[in-house]
Amino acid sequence: MRLLLQQRPDGREAPRFVQLTLQQDLLGAWTLLRETGQTGGRSTLRREQYLDHASALAALEHARDVQLKRGFQLMYAEGAGAPR
């Protein structure tokens, strides 16, 4: 599951983005990847581990909601049951 959020460009600099990806590992745990940065520039990648899908999905939805409150817009959602 993957979500891409982006701020509107203000004309002075490239827009910022946040990409949230939820992946299951080989042992059955779940990883939430948060990539943040500026389009065409540097980015930062953080990883969080969760033991079950429900808690990982709740963390993804919370991260999405925080970014939406900061003025980001959902540009792309991929995956079965991707929250919108």
PDB file of N, CA and C in Angstrom:
ATOM      1  N   MET A   1       0.842  -1.149   0.000  1.00  0.00           N
ATOM      2  CA  MET A   1       0.000   0.000   0.000  1.00  0.00           C
ATOM      3  C   MET A   1       0.900   1.228   0.000  1.00  0.00           C
ATOM      4  N   ARG A   2       0.545   2.224  -0.817  1.00  0.00           N
ATOM      5  CA  ARG A   2       1.382   3.418  -0.933  1.00  0.00           C
ATOM      6  C   ARG A   2       0.514   4.645  -1.097  1.00  0.00           C
ATOM      7  N   LEU A   3       0.860   5.715  -0.380  1.00  0.00           N
ATOM      8  CA  LEU A   3       0.189   6.998  -0.485  1.00  0.00           C
ATOM      9  C   LEU A   3       1.231   8.060  -0.790  1.00  0.00           C
ATOM     10  N   LEU A   4       0.909   8.963  -1.704  1.00  0.00           N
ATOM     11  CA  LEU A   4       1.784  10.085  -2.021  1.00  0.00           C
ATOM     12  C   LEU A   4       1.019  11.364  -1.755  1.00  0.00           C
ATOM     13  N   LEU A   5       1.570  12.207  -0.892  1.00  0.00           N
ATOM     14  CA  LEU A   5       0.973  13.496  -0.565  1.00  0.00           C
ATOM     15  C   LEU A   5       1.949  14.583  -0.971  1.00  0.00           C
ATOM     16  N   GLN A   6       1.412  15.733  -1.405  1.00  0.00           N
ATOM     17  CA  GLN A   6       2.274  16.802  -1.884  1.00  0.00           C
ATOM     18  C   GLN A   6       1.668  18.149  -1.529  1.00  0.00           C
ATOM     19  N   GLN A   7       2.528  19.124  -1.225  1.00  0.00           N
ATOM     20  CA  GLN A   7       2.069  20.489  -1.000  1.00  0.00           C
ATOM     21  C   GLN A   7       2.014  21.212  -2.330  1.00  0.00           C
ATOM     22  N   ARG A   8       1.126  22.180  -2.412  1.00  0.00           N
ATOM     23  CA  ARG A   8       1.067  22.982  -3.633  1.00  0.00           C
ATOM     24  C   ARG A   8       2.327  23.841  -3.742  1.00  0.00           C
ATOM     25  N   PRO A   9       2.883  23.956  -4.941  1.00  0.00           N
ATOM     26  CA  PRO A   9       4.067  24.813  -5.099  1.00  0.00           C
ATOM     27  C   PRO A   9       3.680  26.272  -4.912  1.00  0.00           C
ATOM     28  N   ASP A  10       4.553  27.043  -4.265  1.00  0.00           N
ATOM     29  CA  ASP A  10       4.274  28.467  -4.055  1.00  0.00           C
ATOM     30  C   ASP A  10       4.998  29.356  -5.065  1.00  0.00           C
ATOM     31  N   GLY A  11       5.697  28.753  -6.017  1.00  0.00           N
ATOM     32  CA  GLY A  11       6.367  29.515  -7.068  1.00  0.00           C
ATOM     33  C   GLY A  11       7.824  29.816  -6.768  1.00  0.00           C
ATOM     34  N   ARG A  12       8.199  29.815  -5.493  1.00  0.00           N
ATOM     35  CA  ARG A  12       9.582  30.150  -5.140  1.00  0.00           C
ATOM     36  C   ARG A  12      10.477  28.926  -5.054  1.00  0.00           C
ATOM     37  N   GLU A  13       9.903  27.798  -4.635  1.00  0.00           N
ATOM     38  CA  GLU A  13      10.702  26.575  -4.491  1.00  0.00           C
ATOM     39  C   GLU A  13       9.857  25.363  -4.876  1.00  0.00           C
ATOM     40  N   ALA A  14      10.529  24.255  -5.069  1.00  0.00           N
ATOM     41  CA  ALA A  14       9.845  23.021  -5.466  1.00  0.00           C
ATOM     42  C   ALA A  14       8.926  22.550  -4.338  1.00  0.00           C
ATOM     43  N   PRO A  15       7.831  21.883  -4.690  1.00  0.00           N
ATOM     44  CA  PRO A  15       6.901  21.416  -3.654  1.00  0.00           C
ATOM     45  C   PRO A  15       7.507  20.307  -2.799  1.00  0.00           C
ATOM     46  N   ARG A  16       7.050  20.227  -1.566  1.00  0.00           N
ATOM     47  CA  ARG A  16       7.465  19.172  -0.653  1.00  0.00           C
ATOM     48  C   ARG A  16       6.525  17.984  -0.832  1.00  0.00           C
ATOM     49  N   PHE A  17       7.036  16.790  -0.503  1.00  0.00           N
ATOM     50  CA  PHE A  17       6.220  15.588  -0.634  1.00  0.00           C
ATOM     51  C   PHE A  17       6.414  14.688   0.572  1.00  0.00           C
ATOM     52  N   VAL A  18       5.430  13.823   0.789  1.00  0.00           N
ATOM     53  CA  VAL A  18       5.490  12.769   1.788  1.00  0.00           C
ATOM     54  C   VAL A  18       4.962  11.511   1.120  1.00  0.00           C
ATOM     55  N   GLN A  19       5.734  10.443   1.177  1.00  0.00           N
ATOM     56  CA  GLN A  19       5.292   9.155   0.641  1.00  0.00           C
ATOM     57  C   GLN A  19       5.245   8.158   1.788  1.00  0.00           C
ATOM     58  N   LEU A  20       4.081   7.545   1.982  1.00  0.00           N
ATOM     59  CA  LEU A  20       3.874   6.558   3.034  1.00  0.00           C
ATOM     60  C   LEU A  20       3.676   5.199   2.377  1.00  0.00           C
ATOM     61  N   THR A  21       4.481   4.223   2.752  1.00  0.00           N
ATOM     62  CA  THR A  21       4.403   2.890   2.168  1.00  0.00           C
ATOM     63  C   THR A  21       4.297   1.869   3.289  1.00  0.00           C
ATOM     64  N   LEU A  22       3.368   0.943   3.149  1.00  0.00           N
ATOM     65  CA  LEU A  22       3.166  -0.123   4.123  1.00  0.00           C
ATOM     66  C   LEU A  22       3.521  -1.444   3.455  1.00  0.00           C
ATOM     67  N   GLN A  23       4.488  -2.178   4.048  1.00  0.00           N
ATOM     68  CA  GLN A  23       4.961  -3.434   3.466  1.00  0.00           C
ATOM     69  C   GLN A  23       5.010  -4.518   4.529  1.00  0.00           C
ATOM     70  N   GLN A  24       4.721  -5.741   4.122  1.00  0.00           N
ATOM     71  CA  GLN A  24       4.866  -6.877   5.015  1.00  0.00           C
ATOM     72  C   GLN A  24       6.231  -7.512   4.774  1.00  0.00           C
ATOM     73  N   ASP A  25       6.927  -7.874   5.850  1.00  0.00           N
ATOM     74  CA  ASP A  25       8.229  -8.517   5.677  1.00  0.00           C
ATOM     75  C   ASP A  25       8.076 -10.040   5.647  1.00  0.00           C
ATOM     76  N   LEU A  26       9.181 -10.745   5.507  1.00  0.00           N
ATOM     77  CA  LEU A  26       9.150 -12.196   5.363  1.00  0.00           C
ATOM     78  C   LEU A  26       8.705 -12.926   6.626  1.00  0.00           C
ATOM     79  N   LEU A  27       8.789 -12.277   7.780  1.00  0.00           N
ATOM     80  CA  LEU A  27       8.407 -12.901   9.034  1.00  0.00           C
ATOM     81  C   LEU A  27       6.982 -12.578   9.457  1.00  0.00           C
ATOM     82  N   GLY A  28       6.272 -11.819   8.641  1.00  0.00           N
ATOM     83  CA  GLY A  28       4.881 -11.505   8.924  1.00  0.00           C
ATOM     84  C   GLY A  28       4.654 -10.178   9.617  1.00  0.00           C
ATOM     85  N   ALA A  29       5.697  -9.473   9.998  1.00  0.00           N
ATOM     86  CA  ALA A  29       5.556  -8.146  10.601  1.00  0.00           C
ATOM     87  C   ALA A  29       5.322  -7.116   9.497  1.00  0.00           C
ATOM     88  N   TRP A  30       4.999  -5.902   9.886  1.00  0.00           N
ATOM     89  CA  TRP A  30       4.704  -4.841   8.919  1.00  0.00           C
ATOM     90  C   TRP A  30       5.644  -3.672   9.135  1.00  0.00           C
ATOM     91  N   THR A  31       6.059  -3.039   8.038  1.00  0.00           N
ATOM     92  CA  THR A  31       6.947  -1.891   8.076  1.00  0.00           C
ATOM     93  C   THR A  31       6.254  -0.706   7.436  1.00  0.00           C
ATOM     94  N   LEU A  32       6.258   0.430   8.137  1.00  0.00           N
ATOM     95  CA  LEU A  32       5.758   1.683   7.591  1.00  0.00           C
ATOM     96  C   LEU A  32       6.962   2.523   7.209  1.00  0.00           C
ATOM     97  N   LEU A  33       7.091   2.820   5.928  1.00  0.00           N
ATOM     98  CA  LEU A  33       8.178   3.654   5.416  1.00  0.00           C
ATOM     99  C   LEU A  33       7.626   5.056   5.190  1.00  0.00           C
ATOM    100  N   ARG A  34       8.315   6.062   5.747  1.00  0.00           N
ATOM    101  CA  ARG A  34       7.927   7.461   5.559  1.00  0.00           C
ATOM    102  C   ARG A  34       9.071   8.171   4.857  1.00  0.00           C
ATOM    103  N   GLU A  35       8.837   8.571   3.634  1.00  0.00           N
ATOM    104  CA  GLU A  35       9.841   9.323   2.892  1.00  0.00           C
ATOM    105  C   GLU A  35       9.337  10.751   2.754  1.00  0.00           C
ATOM    106  N   THR A  36      10.152  11.716   3.171  1.00  0.00           N
ATOM    107  CA  THR A  36       9.786  13.123   3.086  1.00  0.00           C
ATOM    108  C   THR A  36      10.909  13.884   2.406  1.00  0.00           C
ATOM    109  N   GLY A  37      10.547  14.930   1.703  1.00  0.00           N
ATOM    110  CA  GLY A  37      11.569  15.740   1.058  1.00  0.00           C
ATOM    111  C   GLY A  37      10.975  16.749   0.114  1.00  0.00           C
ATOM    112  N   GLN A  38      11.837  17.293  -0.705  1.00  0.00           N
ATOM    113  CA  GLN A  38      11.449  18.282  -1.699  1.00  0.00           C
ATOM    114  C   GLN A  38      11.601  17.653  -3.073  1.00  0.00           C
ATOM    115  N   THR A  39      10.611  17.845  -3.927  1.00  0.00           N
ATOM    116  CA  THR A  39      10.641  17.258  -5.255  1.00  0.00           C
ATOM    117  C   THR A  39      11.908  17.699  -5.990  1.00  0.00           C
ATOM    118  N   GLY A  40      12.674  16.734  -6.477  1.00  0.00           N
ATOM    119  CA  GLY A  40      13.922  17.024  -7.179  1.00  0.00           C
ATOM    120  C   GLY A  40      15.095  17.280  -6.262  1.00  0.00           C
ATOM    121  N   GLY A  41      14.905  17.114  -4.962  1.00  0.00           N
ATOM    122  CA  GLY A  41      15.974  17.376  -4.002  1.00  0.00           C
ATOM    123  C   GLY A  41      16.206  16.190  -3.090  1.00  0.00           C
ATOM    124  N   ARG A  42      16.766  16.479  -1.935  1.00  0.00           N
ATOM    125  CA  ARG A  42      17.069  15.431  -0.962  1.00  0.00           C
ATOM    126  C   ARG A  42      15.795  14.966  -0.270  1.00  0.00           C
ATOM    127  N   SER A  43      15.859  13.729   0.215  1.00  0.00           N
ATOM    128  CA  SER A  43      14.728  13.191   0.966  1.00  0.00           C
ATOM    129  C   SER A  43      15.257  12.402   2.159  1.00  0.00           C
ATOM    130  N   THR A  44      14.362  12.171   3.102  1.00  0.00           N
ATOM    131  CA  THR A  44      14.672  11.413   4.301  1.00  0.00           C
ATOM    132  C   THR A  44      13.741  10.220   4.376  1.00  0.00           C
ATOM    133  N   LEU A  45      14.272   9.060   4.746  1.00  0.00           N
ATOM    134  CA  LEU A  45      13.476   7.839   4.854  1.00  0.00           C
ATOM    135  C   LEU A  45      13.536   7.336   6.287  1.00  0.00           C
ATOM    136  N   ARG A  46      12.350   7.138   6.890  1.00  0.00           N
ATOM    137  CA  ARG A  46      12.261   6.582   8.235  1.00  0.00           C
ATOM    138  C   ARG A  46      11.444   5.298   8.180  1.00  0.00           C
ATOM    139  N   ARG A  47      11.803   4.340   9.031  1.00  0.00           N
ATOM    140  CA  ARG A  47      11.108   3.042   9.078  1.00  0.00           C
ATOM    141  C   ARG A  47      10.569   2.794  10.477  1.00  0.00           C
ATOM    142  N   GLU A  48       9.351   2.265  10.520  1.00  0.00           N
ATOM    143  CA  GLU A  48       8.734   1.887  11.789  1.00  0.00           C
ATOM    144  C   GLU A  48       8.208   0.470  11.640  1.00  0.00           C
ATOM    145  N   GLN A  49       8.471  -0.381  12.623  1.00  0.00           N
ATOM    146  CA  GLN A  49       8.045  -1.779  12.587  1.00  0.00           C
ATOM    147  C   GLN A  49       6.796  -1.974  13.434  1.00  0.00           C
ATOM    148  N   TYR A  50       5.872  -2.800  12.954  1.00  0.00           N
ATOM    149  CA  TYR A  50       4.641  -3.150  13.666  1.00  0.00           C
ATOM    150  C   TYR A  50       4.443  -4.660  13.574  1.00  0.00           C
ATOM    151  N   LEU A  51       3.910  -5.242  14.638  1.00  0.00           N
ATOM    152  CA  LEU A  51       3.728  -6.696  14.672  1.00  0.00           C
ATOM    153  C   LEU A  51       2.501  -7.165  13.904  1.00  0.00           C
ATOM    154  N   ASP A  52       1.472  -6.309  13.824  1.00  0.00           N
ATOM    155  CA  ASP A  52       0.260  -6.742  13.127  1.00  0.00           C
ATOM    156  C   ASP A  52      -0.212  -5.668  12.143  1.00  0.00           C
ATOM    157  N   HIS A  53      -1.034  -6.107  11.214  1.00  0.00           N
ATOM    158  CA  HIS A  53      -1.505  -5.233  10.142  1.00  0.00           C
ATOM    159  C   HIS A  53      -2.381  -4.106  10.672  1.00  0.00           C
ATOM    160  N   ALA A  54      -3.215  -4.382  11.657  1.00  0.00           N
ATOM    161  CA  ALA A  54      -4.139  -3.369  12.180  1.00  0.00           C
ATOM    162  C   ALA A  54      -3.387  -2.176  12.775  1.00  0.00           C
ATOM    163  N   SER A  55      -2.362  -2.427  13.567  1.00  0.00           N
ATOM    164  CA  SER A  55      -1.621  -1.314  14.159  1.00  0.00           C
ATOM    165  C   SER A  55      -0.800  -0.569  13.099  1.00  0.00           C
ATOM    166  N   ALA A  56      -0.284  -1.276  12.114  1.00  0.00           N
ATOM    167  CA  ALA A  56       0.462  -0.626  11.036  1.00  0.00           C
ATOM    168  C   ALA A  56      -0.461   0.251  10.196  1.00  0.00           C
ATOM    169  N   LEU A  57      -1.656  -0.235   9.900  1.00  0.00           N
ATOM    170  CA  LEU A  57      -2.627   0.543   9.129  1.00  0.00           C
ATOM    171  C   LEU A  57      -3.088   1.765   9.915  1.00  0.00           C
ATOM    172  N   ALA A  58      -3.277   1.624  11.211  1.00  0.00           N
ATOM    173  CA  ALA A  58      -3.654   2.767  12.049  1.00  0.00           C
ATOM    174  C   ALA A  58      -2.551   3.824  12.048  1.00  0.00           C
ATOM    175  N   ALA A  59      -1.296   3.406  12.095  1.00  0.00           N
ATOM    176  CA  ALA A  59      -0.173   4.346  12.054  1.00  0.00           C
ATOM    177  C   ALA A  59      -0.103   5.058  10.701  1.00  0.00           C
ATOM    178  N   LEU A  60      -0.352   4.329   9.621  1.00  0.00           N
ATOM    179  CA  LEU A  60      -0.356   4.931   8.286  1.00  0.00           C
ATOM    180  C   LEU A  60      -1.469   5.967   8.182  1.00  0.00           C
ATOM    181  N   GLU A  61      -2.659   5.638   8.652  1.00  0.00           N
ATOM    182  CA  GLU A  61      -3.780   6.573   8.582  1.00  0.00           C
ATOM    183  C   GLU A  61      -3.529   7.802   9.450  1.00  0.00           C
ATOM    184  N   HIS A  62      -2.908   7.610  10.607  1.00  0.00           N
ATOM    185  CA  HIS A  62      -2.594   8.745  11.469  1.00  0.00           C
ATOM    186  C   HIS A  62      -1.566   9.664  10.797  1.00  0.00           C
ATOM    187  N   ALA A  63      -0.530   9.076  10.206  1.00  0.00           N
ATOM    188  CA  ALA A  63       0.491   9.862   9.511  1.00  0.00           C
ATOM    189  C   ALA A  63      -0.129  10.627   8.347  1.00  0.00           C
ATOM    190  N   ARG A  64      -1.046   9.989   7.626  1.00  0.00           N
ATOM    191  CA  ARG A  64      -1.738  10.656   6.516  1.00  0.00           C
ATOM    192  C   ARG A  64      -2.558  11.831   7.029  1.00  0.00           C
ATOM    193  N   ASP A  65      -3.311  11.632   8.110  1.00  0.00           N
ATOM    194  CA  ASP A  65      -4.160  12.688   8.648  1.00  0.00           C
ATOM    195  C   ASP A  65      -3.344  13.881   9.137  1.00  0.00           C
ATOM    196  N   VAL A  66      -2.195  13.622   9.756  1.00  0.00           N
ATOM    197  CA  VAL A  66      -1.320  14.705  10.212  1.00  0.00           C
ATOM    198  C   VAL A  66      -0.860  15.542   9.026  1.00  0.00           C
ATOM    199  N   GLN A  67      -0.464  14.889   7.954  1.00  0.00           N
ATOM    200  CA  GLN A  67       0.019  15.622   6.779  1.00  0.00           C
ATOM    201  C   GLN A  67      -1.110  16.387   6.093  1.00  0.00           C
ATOM    202  N   LEU A  68      -2.303  15.827   6.063  1.00  0.00           N
ATOM    203  CA  LEU A  68      -3.443  16.538   5.473  1.00  0.00           C
ATOM    204  C   LEU A  68      -3.741  17.814   6.263  1.00  0.00           C
ATOM    205  N   LYS A  69      -3.609  17.768   7.585  1.00  0.00           N
ATOM    206  CA  LYS A  69      -3.823  18.958   8.404  1.00  0.00           C
ATOM    207  C   LYS A  69      -2.743  20.006   8.176  1.00  0.00           C
ATOM    208  N   ARG A  70      -1.570  19.572   7.742  1.00  0.00           N
ATOM    209  CA  ARG A  70      -0.465  20.502   7.457  1.00  0.00           C
ATOM    210  C   ARG A  70      -0.565  21.131   6.069  1.00  0.00           C
ATOM    211  N   GLY A  71      -1.590  20.787   5.323  1.00  0.00           N
ATOM    212  CA  GLY A  71      -1.778  21.399   4.014  1.00  0.00           C
ATOM    213  C   GLY A  71      -1.350  20.541   2.834  1.00  0.00           C
ATOM    214  N   PHE A  72      -0.964  19.302   3.078  1.00  0.00           N
ATOM    215  CA  PHE A  72      -0.619  18.398   1.989  1.00  0.00           C
ATOM    216  C   PHE A  72      -1.900  17.878   1.346  1.00  0.00           C
ATOM    217  N   GLN A  73      -1.824  17.520   0.085  1.00  0.00           N
ATOM    218  CA  GLN A  73      -2.954  16.944  -0.632  1.00  0.00           C
ATOM    219  C   GLN A  73      -2.590  15.537  -1.076  1.00  0.00           C
ATOM    220  N   LEU A  74      -3.569  14.631  -1.003  1.00  0.00           N
ATOM    221  CA  LEU A  74      -3.357  13.262  -1.458  1.00  0.00           C
ATOM    222  C   LEU A  74      -3.340  13.251  -2.981  1.00  0.00           C
ATOM    223  N   MET A  75      -2.205  12.848  -3.552  1.00  0.00           N
ATOM    224  CA  MET A  75      -2.036  12.851  -5.003  1.00  0.00           C
ATOM    225  C   MET A  75      -2.242  11.466  -5.603  1.00  0.00           C
ATOM    226  N   TYR A  76      -1.905  10.424  -4.828  1.00  0.00           N
ATOM    227  CA  TYR A  76      -1.903   9.074  -5.378  1.00  0.00           C
ATOM    228  C   TYR A  76      -2.086   8.076  -4.245  1.00  0.00           C
ATOM    229  N   ALA A  77      -2.939   7.085  -4.450  1.00  0.00           N
ATOM    230  CA  ALA A  77      -3.133   5.996  -3.500  1.00  0.00           C
ATOM    231  C   ALA A  77      -3.109   4.689  -4.271  1.00  0.00           C
ATOM    232  N   GLU A  78      -2.322   3.722  -3.784  1.00  0.00           N
ATOM    233  CA  GLU A  78      -2.183   2.436  -4.462  1.00  0.00           C
ATOM    234  C   GLU A  78      -2.276   1.322  -3.438  1.00  0.00           C
ATOM    235  N   GLY A  79      -2.931   0.240  -3.825  1.00  0.00           N
ATOM    236  CA  GLY A  79      -2.993  -0.933  -2.965  1.00  0.00           C
ATOM    237  C   GLY A  79      -4.414  -1.278  -2.588  1.00  0.00           C
ATOM    238  N   ALA A  80      -4.599  -2.539  -2.231  1.00  0.00           N
ATOM    239  CA  ALA A  80      -5.920  -3.016  -1.844  1.00  0.00           C
ATOM    240  C   ALA A  80      -6.336  -2.366  -0.544  1.00  0.00           C
ATOM    241  N   GLY A  81      -7.492  -1.758  -0.561  1.00  0.00           N
ATOM    242  CA  GLY A  81      -8.016  -1.118   0.645  1.00  0.00           C
ATOM    243  C   GLY A  81      -7.238   0.104   1.057  1.00  0.00           C
ATOM    244  N   ALA A  82      -6.581   0.782   0.120  1.00  0.00           N
ATOM    245  CA  ALA A  82      -5.802   1.967   0.447  1.00  0.00           C
ATOM    246  C   ALA A  82      -6.727   3.050   1.011  1.00  0.00           C
ATOM    247  N   PRO A  83      -6.373   3.595   2.187  1.00  0.00           N
ATOM    248  CA  PRO A  83      -7.202   4.661   2.744  1.00  0.00           C
ATOM    249  C   PRO A  83      -7.118   5.910   1.890  1.00  0.00           C
ATOM    250  N   ARG A  84      -8.228   6.580   1.732  1.00  0.00           N
ATOM    251  CA  ARG A  84      -8.256   7.785   0.889  1.00  0.00           C
ATOM    252  C   ARG A  84      -8.577   9.006   1.687  1.00  0.00           C
TER     253      ARG A  84
END
